[in-house]
PDB file of N, CA and C in Angstrom:
ATOM      1  N   UNK A   1      34.260  -0.106  -2.699  1.00  0.00           N
ATOM      2  CA  UNK A   1      33.220  -1.011  -2.266  1.00  0.00           C
ATOM      3  C   UNK A   1      33.794  -2.403  -2.124  1.00  0.00           C
ATOM      4  N   UNK A   2      33.292  -3.110  -1.162  1.00  0.00           N
ATOM      5  CA  UNK A   2      33.770  -4.469  -0.937  1.00  0.00           C
ATOM      6  C   UNK A   2      33.080  -5.425  -1.892  1.00  0.00           C
ATOM      7  N   UNK A   3      33.831  -6.446  -2.281  1.00  0.00           N
ATOM      8  CA  UNK A   3      33.264  -7.430  -3.202  1.00  0.00           C
ATOM      9  C   UNK A   3      32.768  -8.664  -2.469  1.00  0.00           C
ATOM     10  N   UNK A   4      33.038  -8.769  -1.187  1.00  0.00           N
ATOM     11  CA  UNK A   4      32.591  -9.940  -0.430  1.00  0.00           C
ATOM     12  C   UNK A   4      31.273  -9.632   0.264  1.00  0.00           C
ATOM     13  N   UNK A   5      30.405 -10.619   0.365  1.00  0.00           N
ATOM     14  CA  UNK A   5      29.154 -10.376   1.082  1.00  0.00           C
ATOM     15  C   UNK A   5      29.394 -10.242   2.574  1.00  0.00           C
ATOM     16  N   UNK A   6      28.384  -9.837   3.280  1.00  0.00           N
ATOM     17  CA  UNK A   6      28.508  -9.587   4.713  1.00  0.00           C
ATOM     18  C   UNK A   6      28.840 -10.869   5.463  1.00  0.00           C
ATOM     19  N   UNK A   7      28.406 -12.007   4.999  1.00  0.00           N
ATOM     20  CA  UNK A   7      28.619 -13.267   5.721  1.00  0.00           C
ATOM     21  C   UNK A   7      30.094 -13.624   5.834  1.00  0.00           C
ATOM     22  N   UNK A   8      30.941 -13.043   5.013  1.00  0.00           N
ATOM     23  CA  UNK A   8      32.375 -13.268   5.127  1.00  0.00           C
ATOM     24  C   UNK A   8      32.912 -14.298   4.156  1.00  0.00           C
ATOM     25  N   UNK A   9      32.077 -14.973   3.413  1.00  0.00           N
ATOM     26  CA  UNK A   9      32.570 -15.937   2.430  1.00  0.00           C
ATOM     27  C   UNK A   9      32.895 -15.199   1.141  1.00  0.00           C
ATOM     28  N   UNK A  10      34.037 -15.412   0.591  1.00  0.00           N
ATOM     29  CA  UNK A  10      34.415 -14.677  -0.620  1.00  0.00           C
ATOM     30  C   UNK A  10      33.593 -15.153  -1.816  1.00  0.00           C
ATOM     31  N   UNK A  11      33.190 -14.200  -2.644  1.00  0.00           N
ATOM     32  CA  UNK A  11      32.422 -14.551  -3.833  1.00  0.00           C
ATOM     33  C   UNK A  11      33.236 -14.327  -5.102  1.00  0.00           C
ATOM     34  N   UNK A  12      34.309 -13.570  -5.026  1.00  0.00           N
ATOM     35  CA  UNK A  12      35.116 -13.315  -6.218  1.00  0.00           C
ATOM     36  C   UNK A  12      36.398 -14.137  -6.145  1.00  0.00           C
ATOM     37  N   UNK A  13      36.972 -14.503  -7.287  1.00  0.00           N
ATOM     38  CA  UNK A  13      38.205 -15.296  -7.276  1.00  0.00           C
ATOM     39  C   UNK A  13      39.397 -14.500  -6.747  1.00  0.00           C
ATOM     40  N   UNK A  14      39.343 -13.175  -6.743  1.00  0.00           N
ATOM     41  CA  UNK A  14      40.465 -12.391  -6.241  1.00  0.00           C
ATOM     42  C   UNK A  14      40.628 -12.557  -4.739  1.00  0.00           C
ATOM     43  N   UNK A  15      39.542 -12.739  -4.041  1.00  0.00           N
ATOM     44  CA  UNK A  15      39.616 -12.864  -2.598  1.00  0.00           C
ATOM     45  C   UNK A  15      40.185 -14.210  -2.183  1.00  0.00           C
ATOM     46  N   UNK A  16      40.143 -15.234  -3.029  1.00  0.00           N
ATOM     47  CA  UNK A  16      40.657 -16.559  -2.681  1.00  0.00           C
ATOM     48  C   UNK A  16      42.156 -16.670  -2.898  1.00  0.00           C
ATOM     49  N   UNK A  17      42.792 -15.719  -3.546  1.00  0.00           N
ATOM     50  CA  UNK A  17      44.215 -15.771  -3.838  1.00  0.00           C
ATOM     51  C   UNK A  17      45.036 -15.083  -2.760  1.00  0.00           C
ATOM     52  N   UNK A  18      44.798 -15.388  -1.517  1.00  0.00           N
ATOM     53  CA  UNK A  18      45.596 -14.815  -0.434  1.00  0.00           C
ATOM     54  C   UNK A  18      46.696 -15.780  -0.073  1.00  0.00           C
ATOM     55  N   UNK A  19      47.773 -15.262   0.457  1.00  0.00           N
ATOM     56  CA  UNK A  19      48.899 -16.123   0.828  1.00  0.00           C
ATOM     57  C   UNK A  19      48.623 -16.797   2.168  1.00  0.00           C
ATOM     58  N   UNK A  20      49.408 -17.806   2.517  1.00  0.00           N
ATOM     59  CA  UNK A  20      49.224 -18.568   3.742  1.00  0.00           C
ATOM     60  C   UNK A  20      49.508 -17.695   4.958  1.00  0.00           C
ATOM     61  N   UNK A  21      50.467 -16.797   4.877  1.00  0.00           N
ATOM     62  CA  UNK A  21      50.807 -15.916   6.003  1.00  0.00           C
ATOM     63  C   UNK A  21      49.677 -14.956   6.330  1.00  0.00           C
ATOM     64  N   UNK A  22      49.066 -14.444   5.273  1.00  0.00           N
ATOM     65  CA  UNK A  22      47.944 -13.537   5.501  1.00  0.00           C
ATOM     66  C   UNK A  22      46.771 -14.282   6.107  1.00  0.00           C
ATOM     67  N   UNK A  23      46.535 -15.525   5.677  1.00  0.00           N
ATOM     68  CA  UNK A  23      45.418 -16.310   6.186  1.00  0.00           C
ATOM     69  C   UNK A  23      45.631 -16.647   7.651  1.00  0.00           C
ATOM     70  N   UNK A  24      46.853 -16.951   8.041  1.00  0.00           N
ATOM     71  CA  UNK A  24      47.139 -17.291   9.430  1.00  0.00           C
ATOM     72  C   UNK A  24      46.980 -16.077  10.327  1.00  0.00           C
ATOM     73  N   UNK A  25      47.416 -14.933   9.818  1.00  0.00           N
ATOM     74  CA  UNK A  25      47.306 -13.743  10.659  1.00  0.00           C
ATOM     75  C   UNK A  25      45.858 -13.284  10.776  1.00  0.00           C
ATOM     76  N   UNK A  26      45.061 -13.529   9.738  1.00  0.00           N
ATOM     77  CA  UNK A  26      43.677 -13.069   9.794  1.00  0.00           C
ATOM     78  C   UNK A  26      42.822 -13.982  10.662  1.00  0.00           C
ATOM     79  N   UNK A  27      43.189 -15.247  10.827  1.00  0.00           N
ATOM     80  CA  UNK A  27      42.399 -16.139  11.669  1.00  0.00           C
ATOM     81  C   UNK A  27      42.690 -15.927  13.139  1.00  0.00           C
ATOM     82  N   UNK A  28      43.832 -15.403  13.482  1.00  0.00           N
ATOM     83  CA  UNK A  28      44.190 -15.191  14.882  1.00  0.00           C
ATOM     84  C   UNK A  28      43.473 -14.000  15.491  1.00  0.00           C
ATOM     85  N   UNK A  29      43.105 -13.032  14.694  1.00  0.00           N
ATOM     86  CA  UNK A  29      42.420 -11.850  15.209  1.00  0.00           C
ATOM     87  C   UNK A  29      41.011 -11.810  14.635  1.00  0.00           C
ATOM     88  N   UNK A  30      40.073 -11.331  15.376  1.00  0.00           N
ATOM     89  CA  UNK A  30      38.708 -11.262  14.849  1.00  0.00           C
ATOM     90  C   UNK A  30      38.605 -10.216  13.749  1.00  0.00           C
ATOM     91  N   UNK A  31      37.635 -10.405  12.861  1.00  0.00           N
ATOM     92  CA  UNK A  31      37.456  -9.496  11.738  1.00  0.00           C
ATOM     93  C   UNK A  31      36.926  -8.144  12.208  1.00  0.00           C
ATOM     94  N   UNK A  32      36.111  -8.158  13.247  1.00  0.00           N
ATOM     95  CA  UNK A  32      35.551  -6.902  13.758  1.00  0.00           C
ATOM     96  C   UNK A  32      36.180  -6.587  15.104  1.00  0.00           C
ATOM     97  N   UNK A  33      36.418  -5.327  15.387  1.00  0.00           N
ATOM     98  CA  UNK A  33      36.974  -4.993  16.705  1.00  0.00           C
ATOM     99  C   UNK A  33      35.936  -5.294  17.790  1.00  0.00           C
ATOM    100  N   UNK A  34      36.438  -5.555  18.983  1.00  0.00           N
ATOM    101  CA  UNK A  34      35.535  -5.860  20.104  1.00  0.00           C
ATOM    102  C   UNK A  34      34.644  -4.658  20.394  1.00  0.00           C
ATOM    103  N   UNK A  35      33.360  -4.939  20.560  1.00  0.00           N
ATOM    104  CA  UNK A  35      32.425  -3.870  20.898  1.00  0.00           C
ATOM    105  C   UNK A  35      32.503  -3.618  22.391  1.00  0.00           C
ATOM    106  N   UNK A  36      32.377  -2.374  22.807  1.00  0.00           N
ATOM    107  CA  UNK A  36      32.392  -2.116  24.245  1.00  0.00           C
ATOM    108  C   UNK A  36      31.150  -2.740  24.884  1.00  0.00           C
ATOM    109  N   UNK A  37      31.324  -3.201  26.079  1.00  0.00           N
ATOM    110  CA  UNK A  37      30.212  -3.838  26.786  1.00  0.00           C
ATOM    111  C   UNK A  37      29.133  -2.799  27.087  1.00  0.00           C
ATOM    112  N   UNK A  38      27.899  -3.192  26.895  1.00  0.00           N
ATOM    113  CA  UNK A  38      26.784  -2.285  27.163  1.00  0.00           C
ATOM    114  C   UNK A  38      26.491  -2.309  28.654  1.00  0.00           C
ATOM    115  N   UNK A  39      26.479  -1.145  29.223  1.00  0.00           N
ATOM    116  CA  UNK A  39      26.209  -1.051  30.652  1.00  0.00           C
ATOM    117  C   UNK A  39      24.708  -1.210  30.893  1.00  0.00           C
ATOM    118  N   UNK A  40      24.337  -1.934  31.926  1.00  0.00           N
ATOM    119  CA  UNK A  40      22.910  -2.068  32.224  1.00  0.00           C
ATOM    120  C   UNK A  40      22.358  -0.728  32.713  1.00  0.00           C
ATOM    121  N   UNK A  41      21.064  -0.506  32.553  1.00  0.00           N
ATOM    122  CA  UNK A  41      20.491   0.750  33.029  1.00  0.00           C
ATOM    123  C   UNK A  41      20.577   0.837  34.539  1.00  0.00           C
ATOM    124  N   UNK A  42      20.615   2.051  35.023  1.00  0.00           N
ATOM    125  CA  UNK A  42      20.679   2.245  36.462  1.00  0.00           C
ATOM    126  C   UNK A  42      19.382   1.756  37.084  1.00  0.00           C
ATOM    127  N   UNK A  43      19.506   1.004  38.130  1.00  0.00           N
ATOM    128  CA  UNK A  43      18.326   0.464  38.804  1.00  0.00           C
ATOM    129  C   UNK A  43      18.251   1.099  40.186  1.00  0.00           C
ATOM    130  N   UNK A  44      17.115   1.763  40.420  1.00  0.00           N
ATOM    131  CA  UNK A  44      16.934   2.362  41.732  1.00  0.00           C
ATOM    132  C   UNK A  44      16.187   1.377  42.619  1.00  0.00           C
ATOM    133  N   UNK A  45      16.441   1.418  43.888  1.00  0.00           N
ATOM    134  CA  UNK A  45      15.642   0.577  44.786  1.00  0.00           C
ATOM    135  C   UNK A  45      14.182   0.997  44.716  1.00  0.00           C
ATOM    136  N   UNK A  46      13.287   0.048  44.911  1.00  0.00           N
ATOM    137  CA  UNK A  46      11.856   0.321  44.788  1.00  0.00           C
ATOM    138  C   UNK A  46      11.404   1.407  45.761  1.00  0.00           C
ATOM    139  N   UNK A  47      12.001   1.431  46.938  1.00  0.00           N
ATOM    140  CA  UNK A  47      11.567   2.408  47.941  1.00  0.00           C
ATOM    141  C   UNK A  47      11.859   3.839  47.507  1.00  0.00           C
ATOM    142  N   UNK A  48      12.873   4.033  46.665  1.00  0.00           N
ATOM    143  CA  UNK A  48      13.198   5.377  46.219  1.00  0.00           C
ATOM    144  C   UNK A  48      12.260   5.854  45.118  1.00  0.00           C
ATOM    145  N   UNK A  49      11.605   4.924  44.441  1.00  0.00           N
ATOM    146  CA  UNK A  49      10.734   5.331  43.353  1.00  0.00           C
ATOM    147  C   UNK A  49       9.365   5.782  43.857  1.00  0.00           C
ATOM    148  N   UNK A  50       9.042   5.514  45.102  1.00  0.00           N
ATOM    149  CA  UNK A  50       7.765   5.939  45.672  1.00  0.00           C
ATOM    150  C   UNK A  50       7.927   7.277  46.375  1.00  0.00           C
ATOM    151  N   UNK A  51       6.902   8.109  46.357  1.00  0.00           N
ATOM    152  CA  UNK A  51       7.000   9.351  47.116  1.00  0.00           C
ATOM    153  C   UNK A  51       7.049   9.036  48.610  1.00  0.00           C
ATOM    154  N   UNK A  52       7.707   9.850  49.385  1.00  0.00           N
ATOM    155  CA  UNK A  52       7.823   9.562  50.810  1.00  0.00           C
ATOM    156  C   UNK A  52       6.467   9.632  51.500  1.00  0.00           C
ATOM    157  N   UNK A  53       6.038   8.497  52.015  1.00  0.00           N
ATOM    158  CA  UNK A  53       4.816   8.382  52.817  1.00  0.00           C
ATOM    159  C   UNK A  53       3.587   8.918  52.095  1.00  0.00           C
ATOM    160  N   UNK A  54       3.572   8.930  50.812  1.00  0.00           N
ATOM    161  CA  UNK A  54       2.483   9.406  49.946  1.00  0.00           C
ATOM    162  C   UNK A  54       1.698  10.572  50.569  1.00  0.00           C
ATOM    163  N   UNK A  55       2.416  11.578  51.022  1.00  0.00           N
ATOM    164  CA  UNK A  55       1.791  12.740  51.656  1.00  0.00           C
ATOM    165  C   UNK A  55       0.941  13.521  50.665  1.00  0.00           C
ATOM    166  N   UNK A  56       1.363  13.601  49.435  1.00  0.00           N
ATOM    167  CA  UNK A  56       0.599  14.364  48.442  1.00  0.00           C
ATOM    168  C   UNK A  56      -0.756  13.718  48.220  1.00  0.00           C
ATOM    169  N   UNK A  57      -0.788  12.405  48.110  1.00  0.00           N
ATOM    170  CA  UNK A  57      -2.059  11.699  47.899  1.00  0.00           C
ATOM    171  C   UNK A  57      -2.963  11.862  49.112  1.00  0.00           C
ATOM    172  N   UNK A  58      -2.396  11.786  50.311  1.00  0.00           N
ATOM    173  CA  UNK A  58      -3.204  11.950  51.523  1.00  0.00           C
ATOM    174  C   UNK A  58      -3.774  13.364  51.600  1.00  0.00           C
ATOM    175  N   UNK A  59      -3.012  14.342  51.198  1.00  0.00           N
ATOM    176  CA  UNK A  59      -3.479  15.718  51.214  1.00  0.00           C
ATOM    177  C   UNK A  59      -4.640  15.898  50.241  1.00  0.00           C
ATOM    178  N   UNK A  60      -4.533  15.306  49.063  1.00  0.00           N
ATOM    179  CA  UNK A  60      -5.610  15.413  48.072  1.00  0.00           C
ATOM    180  C   UNK A  60      -6.874  14.744  48.594  1.00  0.00           C
ATOM    181  N   UNK A  61      -6.735  13.555  49.169  1.00  0.00           N
ATOM    182  CA  UNK A  61      -7.900  12.841  49.702  1.00  0.00           C
ATOM    183  C   UNK A  61      -8.532  13.636  50.834  1.00  0.00           C
ATOM    184  N   UNK A  62      -7.707  14.227  51.681  1.00  0.00           N
ATOM    185  CA  UNK A  62      -8.222  15.026  52.796  1.00  0.00           C
ATOM    186  C   UNK A  62      -8.995  16.236  52.272  1.00  0.00           C
ATOM    187  N   UNK A  63      -8.455  16.910  51.258  1.00  0.00           N
ATOM    188  CA  UNK A  63      -9.141  18.068  50.673  1.00  0.00           C
ATOM    189  C   UNK A  63     -10.471  17.668  50.051  1.00  0.00           C
ATOM    190  N   UNK A  64     -10.503  16.521  49.381  1.00  0.00           N
ATOM    191  CA  UNK A  64     -11.747  16.053  48.768  1.00  0.00           C
ATOM    192  C   UNK A  64     -12.772  15.737  49.845  1.00  0.00           C
ATOM    193  N   UNK A  65     -12.346  15.084  50.924  1.00  0.00           N
ATOM    194  CA  UNK A  65     -13.268  14.770  52.018  1.00  0.00           C
ATOM    195  C   UNK A  65     -13.842  16.035  52.643  1.00  0.00           C
ATOM    196  N   UNK A  66     -12.985  17.027  52.872  1.00  0.00           N
ATOM    197  CA  UNK A  66     -13.450  18.291  53.450  1.00  0.00           C
ATOM    198  C   UNK A  66     -14.430  18.978  52.504  1.00  0.00           C
ATOM    199  N   UNK A  67     -14.138  18.944  51.224  1.00  0.00           N
ATOM    200  CA  UNK A  67     -15.027  19.553  50.236  1.00  0.00           C
ATOM    201  C   UNK A  67     -16.380  18.845  50.215  1.00  0.00           C
ATOM    202  N   UNK A  68     -16.359  17.518  50.293  1.00  0.00           N
ATOM    203  CA  UNK A  68     -17.611  16.755  50.309  1.00  0.00           C
ATOM    204  C   UNK A  68     -18.434  17.073  51.549  1.00  0.00           C
ATOM    205  N   UNK A  69     -17.766  17.191  52.693  1.00  0.00           N
ATOM    206  CA  UNK A  69     -18.480  17.528  53.932  1.00  0.00           C
ATOM    207  C   UNK A  69     -19.102  18.911  53.833  1.00  0.00           C
ATOM    208  N   UNK A  70     -18.366  19.852  53.294  1.00  0.00           N
ATOM    209  CA  UNK A  70     -18.881  21.222  53.152  1.00  0.00           C
ATOM    210  C   UNK A  70     -20.065  21.250  52.182  1.00  0.00           C
ATOM    211  N   UNK A  71     -19.953  20.512  51.092  1.00  0.00           N
ATOM    212  CA  UNK A  71     -21.052  20.446  50.120  1.00  0.00           C
ATOM    213  C   UNK A  71     -22.292  19.839  50.757  1.00  0.00           C
ATOM    214  N   UNK A  72     -22.108  18.781  51.532  1.00  0.00           N
ATOM    215  CA  UNK A  72     -23.238  18.136  52.201  1.00  0.00           C
ATOM    216  C   UNK A  72     -23.882  19.094  53.207  1.00  0.00           C
ATOM    217  N   UNK A  73     -23.055  19.813  53.947  1.00  0.00           N
ATOM    218  CA  UNK A  73     -23.576  20.770  54.937  1.00  0.00           C
ATOM    219  C   UNK A  73     -24.381  21.872  54.243  1.00  0.00           C
ATOM    220  N   UNK A  74     -23.844  22.396  53.139  1.00  0.00           N
ATOM    221  CA  UNK A  74     -24.545  23.459  52.418  1.00  0.00           C
ATOM    222  C   UNK A  74     -25.842  22.952  51.779  1.00  0.00           C
ATOM    223  N   UNK A  75     -25.823  21.709  51.328  1.00  0.00           N
ATOM    224  CA  UNK A  75     -27.035  21.130  50.742  1.00  0.00           C
ATOM    225  C   UNK A  75     -28.119  20.997  51.797  1.00  0.00           C
ATOM    226  N   UNK A  76     -27.739  20.519  52.983  1.00  0.00           N
ATOM    227  CA  UNK A  76     -28.705  20.398  54.081  1.00  0.00           C
ATOM    228  C   UNK A  76     -29.225  21.772  54.488  1.00  0.00           C
ATOM    229  N   UNK A  77     -28.337  22.752  54.545  1.00  0.00           N
ATOM    230  CA  UNK A  77     -28.726  24.097  54.919  1.00  0.00           C
ATOM    231  C   UNK A  77     -29.692  24.676  53.891  1.00  0.00           C
ATOM    232  N   UNK A  78     -29.414  24.450  52.632  1.00  0.00           N
ATOM    233  CA  UNK A  78     -30.284  24.939  51.573  1.00  0.00           C
ATOM    234  C   UNK A  78     -31.647  24.267  51.642  1.00  0.00           C
ATOM    235  N   UNK A  79     -31.672  22.965  51.917  1.00  0.00           N
ATOM    236  CA  UNK A  79     -32.940  22.238  52.039  1.00  0.00           C
ATOM    237  C   UNK A  79     -33.741  22.772  53.218  1.00  0.00           C
ATOM    238  N   UNK A  80     -33.074  23.075  54.326  1.00  0.00           N
ATOM    239  CA  UNK A  80     -33.771  23.629  55.501  1.00  0.00           C
ATOM    240  C   UNK A  80     -34.335  25.003  55.182  1.00  0.00           C
ATOM    241  N   UNK A  81     -33.553  25.813  54.470  1.00  0.00           N
ATOM    242  CA  UNK A  81     -34.024  27.157  54.104  1.00  0.00           C
ATOM    243  C   UNK A  81     -35.251  27.067  53.199  1.00  0.00           C
ATOM    244  N   UNK A  82     -35.232  26.133  52.261  1.00  0.00           N
ATOM    245  CA  UNK A  82     -36.387  25.966  51.371  1.00  0.00           C
ATOM    246  C   UNK A  82     -37.611  25.519  52.163  1.00  0.00           C
ATOM    247  N   UNK A  83     -37.390  24.601  53.104  1.00  0.00           N
ATOM    248  CA  UNK A  83     -38.497  24.115  53.928  1.00  0.00           C
ATOM    249  C   UNK A  83     -39.062  25.247  54.788  1.00  0.00           C
ATOM    250  N   UNK A  84     -38.175  26.046  55.382  1.00  0.00           N
ATOM    251  CA  UNK A  84     -38.630  27.174  56.207  1.00  0.00           C
ATOM    252  C   UNK A  84     -39.364  28.207  55.356  1.00  0.00           C
ATOM    253  N   UNK A  85     -38.868  28.471  54.156  1.00  0.00           N
ATOM    254  CA  UNK A  85     -39.523  29.425  53.264  1.00  0.00           C
ATOM    255  C   UNK A  85     -40.925  28.942  52.904  1.00  0.00           C
ATOM    256  N   UNK A  86     -41.059  27.648  52.685  1.00  0.00           N
ATOM    257  CA  UNK A  86     -42.365  27.072  52.372  1.00  0.00           C
ATOM    258  C   UNK A  86     -43.312  27.238  53.559  1.00  0.00           C
ATOM    259  N   UNK A  87     -42.806  26.993  54.767  1.00  0.00           N
ATOM    260  CA  UNK A  87     -43.631  27.158  55.976  1.00  0.00           C
ATOM    261  C   UNK A  87     -44.063  28.607  56.145  1.00  0.00           C
ATOM    262  N   UNK A  88     -43.169  29.549  55.880  1.00  0.00           N
ATOM    263  CA  UNK A  88     -43.499  30.970  56.012  1.00  0.00           C
ATOM    264  C   UNK A  88     -44.598  31.340  55.022  1.00  0.00           C
ATOM    265  N   UNK A  89     -44.468  30.859  53.785  1.00  0.00           N
ATOM    266  CA  UNK A  89     -45.492  31.167  52.778  1.00  0.00           C
ATOM    267  C   UNK A  89     -46.842  30.569  53.165  1.00  0.00           C
ATOM    268  N   UNK A  90     -46.857  29.338  53.697  1.00  0.00           N
ATOM    269  CA  UNK A  90     -48.102  28.724  54.142  1.00  0.00           C
ATOM    270  C   UNK A  90     -48.719  29.520  55.300  1.00  0.00           C
ATOM    271  N   UNK A  91     -47.867  29.988  56.197  1.00  0.00           N
ATOM    272  CA  UNK A  91     -48.362  30.765  57.339  1.00  0.00           C
ATOM    273  C   UNK A  91     -48.960  32.095  56.873  1.00  0.00           C
ATOM    274  N   UNK A  92     -48.334  32.711  55.893  1.00  0.00           N
ATOM    275  CA  UNK A  92     -48.853  33.972  55.356  1.00  0.00           C
ATOM    276  C   UNK A  92     -50.219  33.733  54.713  1.00  0.00           C
ATOM    277  N   UNK A  93     -50.360  32.638  53.960  1.00  0.00           N
ATOM    278  CA  UNK A  93     -51.641  32.323  53.325  1.00  0.00           C
ATOM    279  C   UNK A  93     -52.713  32.086  54.387  1.00  0.00           C
ATOM    280  N   UNK A  94     -52.387  31.388  55.475  1.00  0.00           N
ATOM    281  CA  UNK A  94     -53.349  31.135  56.556  1.00  0.00           C
ATOM    282  C   UNK A  94     -53.738  32.440  57.243  1.00  0.00           C
ATOM    283  N   UNK A  95     -52.769  33.297  57.499  1.00  0.00           N
ATOM    284  CA  UNK A  95     -53.056  34.576  58.155  1.00  0.00           C
ATOM    285  C   UNK A  95     -53.980  35.429  57.289  1.00  0.00           C
ATOM    286  N   UNK A  96     -53.753  35.408  55.976  1.00  0.00           N
ATOM    287  CA  UNK A  96     -54.593  36.200  55.075  1.00  0.00           C
ATOM    288  C   UNK A  96     -56.034  35.678  55.061  1.00  0.00           C
ATOM    289  N   UNK A  97     -56.158  34.340  55.143  1.00  0.00           N
ATOM    290  CA  UNK A  97     -57.499  33.774  55.158  1.00  0.00           C
ATOM    291  C   UNK A  97     -58.261  34.151  56.437  1.00  0.00           C
ATOM    292  N   UNK A  98     -57.545  34.163  57.549  1.00  0.00           N
ATOM    293  CA  UNK A  98     -58.180  34.479  58.826  1.00  0.00           C
ATOM    294  C   UNK A  98     -58.366  35.966  59.057  1.00  0.00           C
ATOM    295  N   UNK A  99     -57.407  36.762  58.677  1.00  0.00           N
ATOM    296  CA  UNK A  99     -57.406  38.176  59.035  1.00  0.00           C
ATOM    297  C   UNK A  99     -57.676  39.108  57.845  1.00  0.00           C
ATOM    298  N   UNK A 100     -57.769  38.598  56.690  1.00  0.00           N
ATOM    299  CA  UNK A 100     -57.947  39.460  55.542  1.00  0.00           C
ATOM    300  C   UNK A 100     -56.588  39.832  54.971  1.00  0.00           C
ATOM    301  N   UNK A 101     -56.598  40.589  53.880  1.00  0.00           N
ATOM    302  CA  UNK A 101     -55.343  40.901  53.219  1.00  0.00           C
ATOM    303  C   UNK A 101     -54.424  41.797  54.051  1.00  0.00           C
ATOM    304  N   UNK A 102     -54.937  42.600  54.912  1.00  0.00           N
ATOM    305  CA  UNK A 102     -54.100  43.473  55.727  1.00  0.00           C
ATOM    306  C   UNK A 102     -53.365  44.485  54.872  1.00  0.00           C
ATOM    307  N   UNK A 103     -52.185  44.871  55.311  1.00  0.00           N
ATOM    308  CA  UNK A 103     -51.425  45.887  54.596  1.00  0.00           C
ATOM    309  C   UNK A 103     -50.735  45.321  53.356  1.00  0.00           C
ATOM    310  N   UNK A 104     -50.564  44.000  53.302  1.00  0.00           N
ATOM    311  CA  UNK A 104     -49.893  43.403  52.141  1.00  0.00           C
ATOM    312  C   UNK A 104     -50.804  43.417  50.916  1.00  0.00           C
ATOM    313  N   UNK A 105     -52.117  43.385  51.123  1.00  0.00           N
ATOM    314  CA  UNK A 105     -53.032  43.339  49.995  1.00  0.00           C
ATOM    315  C   UNK A 105     -53.278  44.682  49.350  1.00  0.00           C
ATOM    316  N   UNK A 106     -52.850  45.754  49.961  1.00  0.00           N
ATOM    317  CA  UNK A 106     -53.118  47.099  49.445  1.00  0.00           C
ATOM    318  C   UNK A 106     -52.155  47.457  48.368  1.00  0.00           C
TER     319      UNK A 106
END
């Protein structure tokens, strides 16, 4: 274990008893070896980070629009069918009032 603190100043009297030659050689070279330079992260151009012509997003939007149109068409069709069914029932009630129950009443 080392007796000197991390800051590099000696705390024990043994560390101060170095010769002049050792002191000169230790000041010429750094105490820690040179760290390798950290490479910056790879940077891609902004255009490469986007999907080409956002075709996937356009396809999704197109599918949603088609689905909405189909839903609207079916809703209108269902409303028309309900309206027609109501008219048929009213017509049947009127016919029964005018003509009697007929074969349906038997």
